[in-house]
């Protein structure tokens, strides 16, 4: 059995924004505008979560990465290439 969703109470300002976006995006219904907005919001949240994970990973590995790169430095190696 399919039931209708819960009605939303939309403020007048929001109603105007939805109607404007409906025209600009070519959406046929208000719910289509809201669904598109939810998809974009979800992608933005996922991106923010990824960035936080990357920042934690950088903090965890950052100092050891510098130690490893010091092991591979050769001070005079590239100076000889110009001659």
PDB file of N, CA and C in Angstrom:
ATOM      1  N   UNK A   1       0.837  -1.175   0.000  1.00  0.00           N
ATOM      2  CA  UNK A   1       0.000   0.000   0.000  1.00  0.00           C
ATOM      3  C   UNK A   1       0.881   1.237   0.000  1.00  0.00           C
ATOM      4  N   UNK A   2       0.685   2.130  -0.913  1.00  0.00           N
ATOM      5  CA  UNK A   2       1.464   3.361  -1.015  1.00  0.00           C
ATOM      6  C   UNK A   2       0.717   4.464  -0.286  1.00  0.00           C
ATOM      7  N   UNK A   3       1.433   5.138   0.603  1.00  0.00           N
ATOM      8  CA  UNK A   3       0.811   6.241   1.333  1.00  0.00           C
ATOM      9  C   UNK A   3       1.483   7.543   0.940  1.00  0.00           C
ATOM     10  N   UNK A   4       0.768   8.603   1.073  1.00  0.00           N
ATOM     11  CA  UNK A   4       1.320   9.917   0.768  1.00  0.00           C
ATOM     12  C   UNK A   4       2.282  10.318   1.873  1.00  0.00           C
ATOM     13  N   UNK A   5       3.276  11.108   1.500  1.00  0.00           N
ATOM     14  CA  UNK A   5       4.237  11.593   2.475  1.00  0.00           C
ATOM     15  C   UNK A   5       3.608  12.632   3.385  1.00  0.00           C
ATOM     16  N   UNK A   6       4.353  13.019   4.366  1.00  0.00           N
ATOM     17  CA  UNK A   6       3.879  14.032   5.300  1.00  0.00           C
ATOM     18  C   UNK A   6       3.939  15.402   4.624  1.00  0.00           C
ATOM     19  N   UNK A   7       2.916  16.216   4.807  1.00  0.00           N
ATOM     20  CA  UNK A   7       2.951  17.557   4.208  1.00  0.00           C
ATOM     21  C   UNK A   7       3.985  18.424   4.913  1.00  0.00           C
ATOM     22  N   UNK A   8       4.630  19.293   4.144  1.00  0.00           N
ATOM     23  CA  UNK A   8       5.627  20.199   4.703  1.00  0.00           C
ATOM     24  C   UNK A   8       5.031  21.593   4.787  1.00  0.00           C
ATOM     25  N   UNK A   9       5.399  22.286   5.820  1.00  0.00           N
ATOM     26  CA  UNK A   9       4.966  23.665   5.959  1.00  0.00           C
ATOM     27  C   UNK A   9       6.072  24.539   5.376  1.00  0.00           C
ATOM     28  N   UNK A  10       5.830  25.114   4.229  1.00  0.00           N
ATOM     29  CA  UNK A  10       6.834  25.917   3.535  1.00  0.00           C
ATOM     30  C   UNK A  10       6.515  27.396   3.745  1.00  0.00           C
ATOM     31  N   UNK A  11       7.502  28.146   4.182  1.00  0.00           N
ATOM     32  CA  UNK A  11       7.344  29.584   4.401  1.00  0.00           C
ATOM     33  C   UNK A  11       7.215  30.296   3.059  1.00  0.00           C
ATOM     34  N   UNK A  12       6.667  31.487   3.082  1.00  0.00           N
ATOM     35  CA  UNK A  12       6.436  32.240   1.847  1.00  0.00           C
ATOM     36  C   UNK A  12       7.740  32.529   1.098  1.00  0.00           C
ATOM     37  N   UNK A  13       8.780  32.912   1.823  1.00  0.00           N
ATOM     38  CA  UNK A  13      10.075  33.197   1.180  1.00  0.00           C
ATOM     39  C   UNK A  13      10.629  31.950   0.499  1.00  0.00           C
ATOM     40  N   UNK A  14      10.519  30.821   1.192  1.00  0.00           N
ATOM     41  CA  UNK A  14      11.002  29.561   0.630  1.00  0.00           C
ATOM     42  C   UNK A  14      10.185  29.166  -0.594  1.00  0.00           C
ATOM     43  N   UNK A  15       8.901  29.405  -0.526  1.00  0.00           N
ATOM     44  CA  UNK A  15       8.013  29.103  -1.648  1.00  0.00           C
ATOM     45  C   UNK A  15       8.452  29.869  -2.894  1.00  0.00           C
ATOM     46  N   UNK A  16       8.773  31.145  -2.704  1.00  0.00           N
ATOM     47  CA  UNK A  16       9.208  31.978  -3.830  1.00  0.00           C
ATOM     48  C   UNK A  16      10.532  31.476  -4.402  1.00  0.00           C
ATOM     49  N   UNK A  17      11.454  31.085  -3.525  1.00  0.00           N
ATOM     50  CA  UNK A  17      12.749  30.564  -3.983  1.00  0.00           C
ATOM     51  C   UNK A  17      12.570  29.268  -4.761  1.00  0.00           C
ATOM     52  N   UNK A  18      11.697  28.410  -4.254  1.00  0.00           N
ATOM     53  CA  UNK A  18      11.454  27.137  -4.926  1.00  0.00           C
ATOM     54  C   UNK A  18      10.855  27.371  -6.307  1.00  0.00           C
ATOM     55  N   UNK A  19       9.896  28.269  -6.395  1.00  0.00           N
ATOM     56  CA  UNK A  19       9.271  28.573  -7.689  1.00  0.00           C
ATOM     57  C   UNK A  19      10.291  29.148  -8.672  1.00  0.00           C
ATOM     58  N   UNK A  20      11.161  30.024  -8.175  1.00  0.00           N
ATOM     59  CA  UNK A  20      12.197  30.612  -9.032  1.00  0.00           C
ATOM     60  C   UNK A  20      13.157  29.525  -9.524  1.00  0.00           C
ATOM     61  N   UNK A  21      13.579  28.651  -8.628  1.00  0.00           N
ATOM     62  CA  UNK A  21      14.482  27.565  -9.015  1.00  0.00           C
ATOM     63  C   UNK A  21      13.786  26.578  -9.955  1.00  0.00           C
ATOM     64  N   UNK A  22      12.511  26.389  -9.754  1.00  0.00           N
ATOM     65  CA  UNK A  22      11.739  25.504 -10.627  1.00  0.00           C
ATOM     66  C   UNK A  22      11.791  26.004 -12.062  1.00  0.00           C
ATOM     67  N   UNK A  23      11.623  27.305 -12.239  1.00  0.00           N
ATOM     68  CA  UNK A  23      11.680  27.899 -13.578  1.00  0.00           C
ATOM     69  C   UNK A  23      13.099  27.837 -14.141  1.00  0.00           C
ATOM     70  N   UNK A  24      14.082  28.160 -13.310  1.00  0.00           N
ATOM     71  CA  UNK A  24      15.469  28.224 -13.782  1.00  0.00           C
ATOM     72  C   UNK A  24      16.030  26.860 -14.135  1.00  0.00           C
ATOM     73  N   UNK A  25      15.607  25.826 -13.404  1.00  0.00           N
ATOM     74  CA  UNK A  25      16.163  24.486 -13.648  1.00  0.00           C
ATOM     75  C   UNK A  25      15.320  23.664 -14.611  1.00  0.00           C
ATOM     76  N   UNK A  26      14.123  24.128 -14.885  1.00  0.00           N
ATOM     77  CA  UNK A  26      13.248  23.365 -15.763  1.00  0.00           C
ATOM     78  C   UNK A  26      12.561  22.207 -15.062  1.00  0.00           C
ATOM     79  N   UNK A  27      12.575  22.238 -13.749  1.00  0.00           N
ATOM     80  CA  UNK A  27      11.907  21.189 -12.982  1.00  0.00           C
ATOM     81  C   UNK A  27      10.395  21.306 -13.174  1.00  0.00           C
ATOM     82  N   UNK A  28       9.739  20.173 -13.152  1.00  0.00           N
ATOM     83  CA  UNK A  28       8.294  20.170 -13.380  1.00  0.00           C
ATOM     84  C   UNK A  28       7.499  20.391 -12.095  1.00  0.00           C
ATOM     85  N   UNK A  29       8.079  19.974 -10.975  1.00  0.00           N
ATOM     86  CA  UNK A  29       7.362  20.089  -9.707  1.00  0.00           C
ATOM     87  C   UNK A  29       8.271  20.659  -8.629  1.00  0.00           C
ATOM     88  N   UNK A  30       7.655  21.115  -7.558  1.00  0.00           N
ATOM     89  CA  UNK A  30       8.419  21.632  -6.418  1.00  0.00           C
ATOM     90  C   UNK A  30       9.244  20.522  -5.779  1.00  0.00           C
ATOM     91  N   UNK A  31       8.656  19.332  -5.702  1.00  0.00           N
ATOM     92  CA  UNK A  31       9.373  18.225  -5.079  1.00  0.00           C
ATOM     93  C   UNK A  31      10.617  17.854  -5.874  1.00  0.00           C
ATOM     94  N   UNK A  32      10.581  18.032  -7.190  1.00  0.00           N
ATOM     95  CA  UNK A  32      11.761  17.767  -8.013  1.00  0.00           C
ATOM     96  C   UNK A  32      12.880  18.751  -7.657  1.00  0.00           C
ATOM     97  N   UNK A  33      12.513  20.002  -7.417  1.00  0.00           N
ATOM     98  CA  UNK A  33      13.496  21.009  -6.995  1.00  0.00           C
ATOM     99  C   UNK A  33      14.097  20.601  -5.651  1.00  0.00           C
ATOM    100  N   UNK A  34      13.252  20.181  -4.718  1.00  0.00           N
ATOM    101  CA  UNK A  34      13.731  19.790  -3.398  1.00  0.00           C
ATOM    102  C   UNK A  34      14.610  18.541  -3.464  1.00  0.00           C
ATOM    103  N   UNK A  35      14.249  17.595  -4.305  1.00  0.00           N
ATOM    104  CA  UNK A  35      15.069  16.383  -4.438  1.00  0.00           C
ATOM    105  C   UNK A  35      16.439  16.711  -5.013  1.00  0.00           C
ATOM    106  N   UNK A  36      16.460  17.591  -6.013  1.00  0.00           N
ATOM    107  CA  UNK A  36      17.756  18.006  -6.581  1.00  0.00           C
ATOM    108  C   UNK A  36      18.607  18.696  -5.523  1.00  0.00           C
ATOM    109  N   UNK A  37      17.950  19.536  -4.721  1.00  0.00           N
ATOM    110  CA  UNK A  37      18.676  20.230  -3.654  1.00  0.00           C
ATOM    111  C   UNK A  37      19.221  19.242  -2.637  1.00  0.00           C
ATOM    112  N   UNK A  38      18.450  18.225  -2.314  1.00  0.00           N
ATOM    113  CA  UNK A  38      18.909  17.213  -1.359  1.00  0.00           C
ATOM    114  C   UNK A  38      20.105  16.438  -1.897  1.00  0.00           C
ATOM    115  N   UNK A  39      20.082  16.132  -3.173  1.00  0.00           N
ATOM    116  CA  UNK A  39      21.213  15.424  -3.787  1.00  0.00           C
ATOM    117  C   UNK A  39      22.477  16.276  -3.681  1.00  0.00           C
ATOM    118  N   UNK A  40      22.354  17.566  -4.001  1.00  0.00           N
ATOM    119  CA  UNK A  40      23.512  18.455  -3.911  1.00  0.00           C
ATOM    120  C   UNK A  40      23.989  18.607  -2.477  1.00  0.00           C
ATOM    121  N   UNK A  41      23.055  18.713  -1.535  1.00  0.00           N
ATOM    122  CA  UNK A  41      23.421  18.823  -0.128  1.00  0.00           C
ATOM    123  C   UNK A  41      24.137  17.573   0.348  1.00  0.00           C
ATOM    124  N   UNK A  42      23.645  16.415  -0.065  1.00  0.00           N
ATOM    125  CA  UNK A  42      24.280  15.163   0.321  1.00  0.00           C
ATOM    126  C   UNK A  42      25.705  15.075  -0.236  1.00  0.00           C
ATOM    127  N   UNK A  43      25.908  15.481  -1.480  1.00  0.00           N
ATOM    128  CA  UNK A  43      27.247  15.476  -2.070  1.00  0.00           C
ATOM    129  C   UNK A  43      28.175  16.422  -1.322  1.00  0.00           C
ATOM    130  N   UNK A  44      27.653  17.576  -0.916  1.00  0.00           N
ATOM    131  CA  UNK A  44      28.457  18.542  -0.177  1.00  0.00           C
ATOM    132  C   UNK A  44      28.862  17.983   1.184  1.00  0.00           C
ATOM    133  N   UNK A  45      27.936  17.317   1.854  1.00  0.00           N
ATOM    134  CA  UNK A  45      28.232  16.713   3.155  1.00  0.00           C
ATOM    135  C   UNK A  45      29.271  15.600   2.994  1.00  0.00           C
ATOM    136  N   UNK A  46      29.116  14.774   1.966  1.00  0.00           N
ATOM    137  CA  UNK A  46      30.087  13.704   1.722  1.00  0.00           C
ATOM    138  C   UNK A  46      31.474  14.280   1.447  1.00  0.00           C
ATOM    139  N   UNK A  47      31.529  15.361   0.680  1.00  0.00           N
ATOM    140  CA  UNK A  47      32.810  16.020   0.384  1.00  0.00           C
ATOM    141  C   UNK A  47      33.445  16.533   1.673  1.00  0.00           C
ATOM    142  N   UNK A  48      32.647  17.161   2.533  1.00  0.00           N
ATOM    143  CA  UNK A  48      33.162  17.675   3.810  1.00  0.00           C
ATOM    144  C   UNK A  48      33.694  16.544   4.679  1.00  0.00           C
ATOM    145  N   UNK A  49      32.976  15.427   4.706  1.00  0.00           N
ATOM    146  CA  UNK A  49      33.437  14.271   5.487  1.00  0.00           C
ATOM    147  C   UNK A  49      34.739  13.724   4.933  1.00  0.00           C
ATOM    148  N   UNK A  50      34.863  13.666   3.592  1.00  0.00           N
ATOM    149  CA  UNK A  50      36.116  13.197   2.968  1.00  0.00           C
ATOM    150  C   UNK A  50      37.277  14.108   3.339  1.00  0.00           C
ATOM    151  N   UNK A  51      37.049  15.407   3.299  1.00  0.00           N
ATOM    152  CA  UNK A  51      38.107  16.357   3.635  1.00  0.00           C
ATOM    153  C   UNK A  51      38.557  16.157   5.078  1.00  0.00           C
ATOM    154  N   UNK A  52      37.606  15.954   5.984  1.00  0.00           N
ATOM    155  CA  UNK A  52      37.968  15.720   7.391  1.00  0.00           C
ATOM    156  C   UNK A  52      38.798  14.449   7.532  1.00  0.00           C
ATOM    157  N   UNK A  53      38.418  13.382   6.793  1.00  0.00           N
ATOM    158  CA  UNK A  53      39.203  12.141   6.847  1.00  0.00           C
ATOM    159  C   UNK A  53      40.610  12.370   6.316  1.00  0.00           C
ATOM    160  N   UNK A  54      40.720  13.112   5.197  1.00  0.00           N
ATOM    161  CA  UNK A  54      42.038  13.399   4.622  1.00  0.00           C
ATOM    162  C   UNK A  54      42.878  14.204   5.601  1.00  0.00           C
ATOM    163  N   UNK A  55      42.272  15.166   6.285  1.00  0.00           N
ATOM    164  CA  UNK A  55      43.015  15.980   7.244  1.00  0.00           C
ATOM    165  C   UNK A  55      43.528  15.127   8.396  1.00  0.00           C
ATOM    166  N   UNK A  56      42.693  14.196   8.879  1.00  0.00           N
ATOM    167  CA  UNK A  56      43.150  13.294   9.945  1.00  0.00           C
ATOM    168  C   UNK A  56      44.296  12.417   9.452  1.00  0.00           C
ATOM    169  N   UNK A  57      44.186  11.932   8.206  1.00  0.00           N
ATOM    170  CA  UNK A  57      45.241  11.080   7.652  1.00  0.00           C
ATOM    171  C   UNK A  57      46.542  11.861   7.499  1.00  0.00           C
ATOM    172  N   UNK A  58      46.444  13.099   7.068  1.00  0.00           N
ATOM    173  CA  UNK A  58      47.646  13.928   6.903  1.00  0.00           C
ATOM    174  C   UNK A  58      48.316  14.167   8.247  1.00  0.00           C
ATOM    175  N   UNK A  59      47.504  14.421   9.261  1.00  0.00           N
ATOM    176  CA  UNK A  59      48.080  14.634  10.598  1.00  0.00           C
ATOM    177  C   UNK A  59      48.765  13.370  11.109  1.00  0.00           C
ATOM    178  N   UNK A  60      48.162  12.216  10.818  1.00  0.00           N
ATOM    179  CA  UNK A  60      48.726  10.956  11.294  1.00  0.00           C
ATOM    180  C   UNK A  60      50.018  10.602  10.570  1.00  0.00           C
ATOM    181  N   UNK A  61      50.119  10.933   9.292  1.00  0.00           N
ATOM    182  CA  UNK A  61      51.254  10.517   8.480  1.00  0.00           C
ATOM    183  C   UNK A  61      52.225  11.672   8.234  1.00  0.00           C
ATOM    184  N   UNK A  62      51.771  12.879   8.413  1.00  0.00           N
ATOM    185  CA  UNK A  62      52.548  14.060   8.047  1.00  0.00           C
ATOM    186  C   UNK A  62      53.972  14.079   8.560  1.00  0.00           C
ATOM    187  N   UNK A  63      54.177  13.897   9.846  1.00  0.00           N
ATOM    188  CA  UNK A  63      55.531  13.984  10.393  1.00  0.00           C
ATOM    189  C   UNK A  63      56.408  12.823   9.930  1.00  0.00           C
ATOM    190  N   UNK A  64      55.850  11.639   9.804  1.00  0.00           N
ATOM    191  CA  UNK A  64      56.657  10.507   9.348  1.00  0.00           C
ATOM    192  C   UNK A  64      57.026  10.668   7.881  1.00  0.00           C
ATOM    193  N   UNK A  65      56.165  11.331   7.100  1.00  0.00           N
ATOM    194  CA  UNK A  65      56.480  11.576   5.695  1.00  0.00           C
ATOM    195  C   UNK A  65      57.700  12.459   5.542  1.00  0.00           C
ATOM    196  N   UNK A  66      57.843  13.435   6.429  1.00  0.00           N
ATOM    197  CA  UNK A  66      59.020  14.305   6.381  1.00  0.00           C
ATOM    198  C   UNK A  66      60.280  13.528   6.718  1.00  0.00           C
ATOM    199  N   UNK A  67      60.184  12.631   7.693  1.00  0.00           N
ATOM    200  CA  UNK A  67      61.341  11.814   8.058  1.00  0.00           C
ATOM    201  C   UNK A  67      61.761  10.923   6.892  1.00  0.00           C
ATOM    202  N   UNK A  68      60.802  10.352   6.201  1.00  0.00           N
ATOM    203  CA  UNK A  68      61.103   9.480   5.070  1.00  0.00           C
ATOM    204  C   UNK A  68      61.737  10.281   3.949  1.00  0.00           C
ATOM    205  N   UNK A  69      61.228  11.474   3.652  1.00  0.00           N
ATOM    206  CA  UNK A  69      61.796  12.257   2.563  1.00  0.00           C
ATOM    207  C   UNK A  69      63.219  12.713   2.891  1.00  0.00           C
ATOM    208  N   UNK A  70      63.525  12.907   4.159  1.00  0.00           N
ATOM    209  CA  UNK A  70      64.901  13.252   4.545  1.00  0.00           C
ATOM    210  C   UNK A  70      65.862  12.121   4.202  1.00  0.00           C
ATOM    211  N   UNK A  71      65.403  10.901   4.292  1.00  0.00           N
ATOM    212  CA  UNK A  71      66.248   9.749   3.976  1.00  0.00           C
ATOM    213  C   UNK A  71      66.656   9.730   2.510  1.00  0.00           C
ATOM    214  N   UNK A  72      65.844  10.315   1.629  1.00  0.00           N
ATOM    215  CA  UNK A  72      66.102  10.267   0.203  1.00  0.00           C
ATOM    216  C   UNK A  72      66.755  11.529  -0.351  1.00  0.00           C
ATOM    217  N   UNK A  73      67.055  12.493   0.486  1.00  0.00           N
ATOM    218  CA  UNK A  73      67.672  13.731   0.006  1.00  0.00           C
ATOM    219  C   UNK A  73      69.146  13.492  -0.333  1.00  0.00           C
ATOM    220  N   UNK A  74      69.576  14.075  -1.430  1.00  0.00           N
ATOM    221  CA  UNK A  74      70.986  14.081  -1.801  1.00  0.00           C
ATOM    222  C   UNK A  74      71.333  15.510  -2.165  1.00  0.00           C
ATOM    223  N   UNK A  75      72.107  16.142  -1.353  1.00  0.00           N
ATOM    224  CA  UNK A  75      72.326  17.581  -1.484  1.00  0.00           C
ATOM    225  C   UNK A  75      73.026  17.972  -2.779  1.00  0.00           C
ATOM    226  N   UNK A  76      74.045  17.255  -3.206  1.00  0.00           N
ATOM    227  CA  UNK A  76      74.786  17.668  -4.376  1.00  0.00           C
ATOM    228  C   UNK A  76      74.342  17.004  -5.673  1.00  0.00           C
ATOM    229  N   UNK A  77      73.397  16.152  -5.596  1.00  0.00           N
ATOM    230  CA  UNK A  77      73.002  15.354  -6.752  1.00  0.00           C
ATOM    231  C   UNK A  77      72.515  16.200  -7.932  1.00  0.00           C
ATOM    232  N   UNK A  78      71.658  17.170  -7.684  1.00  0.00           N
ATOM    233  CA  UNK A  78      71.105  17.965  -8.767  1.00  0.00           C
ATOM    234  C   UNK A  78      71.988  19.140  -9.153  1.00  0.00           C
ATOM    235  N   UNK A  79      72.903  19.524  -8.322  1.00  0.00           N
ATOM    236  CA  UNK A  79      73.821  20.630  -8.644  1.00  0.00           C
ATOM    237  C   UNK A  79      74.720  20.263  -9.810  1.00  0.00           C
ATOM    238  N   UNK A  80      75.074  19.010  -9.941  1.00  0.00           N
ATOM    239  CA  UNK A  80      75.938  18.543 -11.016  1.00  0.00           C
ATOM    240  C   UNK A  80      75.229  18.522 -12.368  1.00  0.00           C
ATOM    241  N   UNK A  81      73.933  18.496 -12.408  1.00  0.00           N
ATOM    242  CA  UNK A  81      73.186  18.398 -13.662  1.00  0.00           C
ATOM    243  C   UNK A  81      73.292  19.664 -14.516  1.00  0.00           C
ATOM    244  N   UNK A  82      73.453  20.822 -13.889  1.00  0.00           N
ATOM    245  CA  UNK A  82      73.513  22.092 -14.613  1.00  0.00           C
ATOM    246  C   UNK A  82      74.849  22.250 -15.360  1.00  0.00           C
ATOM    247  N   UNK A  83      75.859  21.566 -14.982  1.00  0.00           N
ATOM    248  CA  UNK A  83      77.184  21.754 -15.569  1.00  0.00           C
ATOM    249  C   UNK A  83      77.398  20.951 -16.804  1.00  0.00           C
TER     250      UNK A  83
END
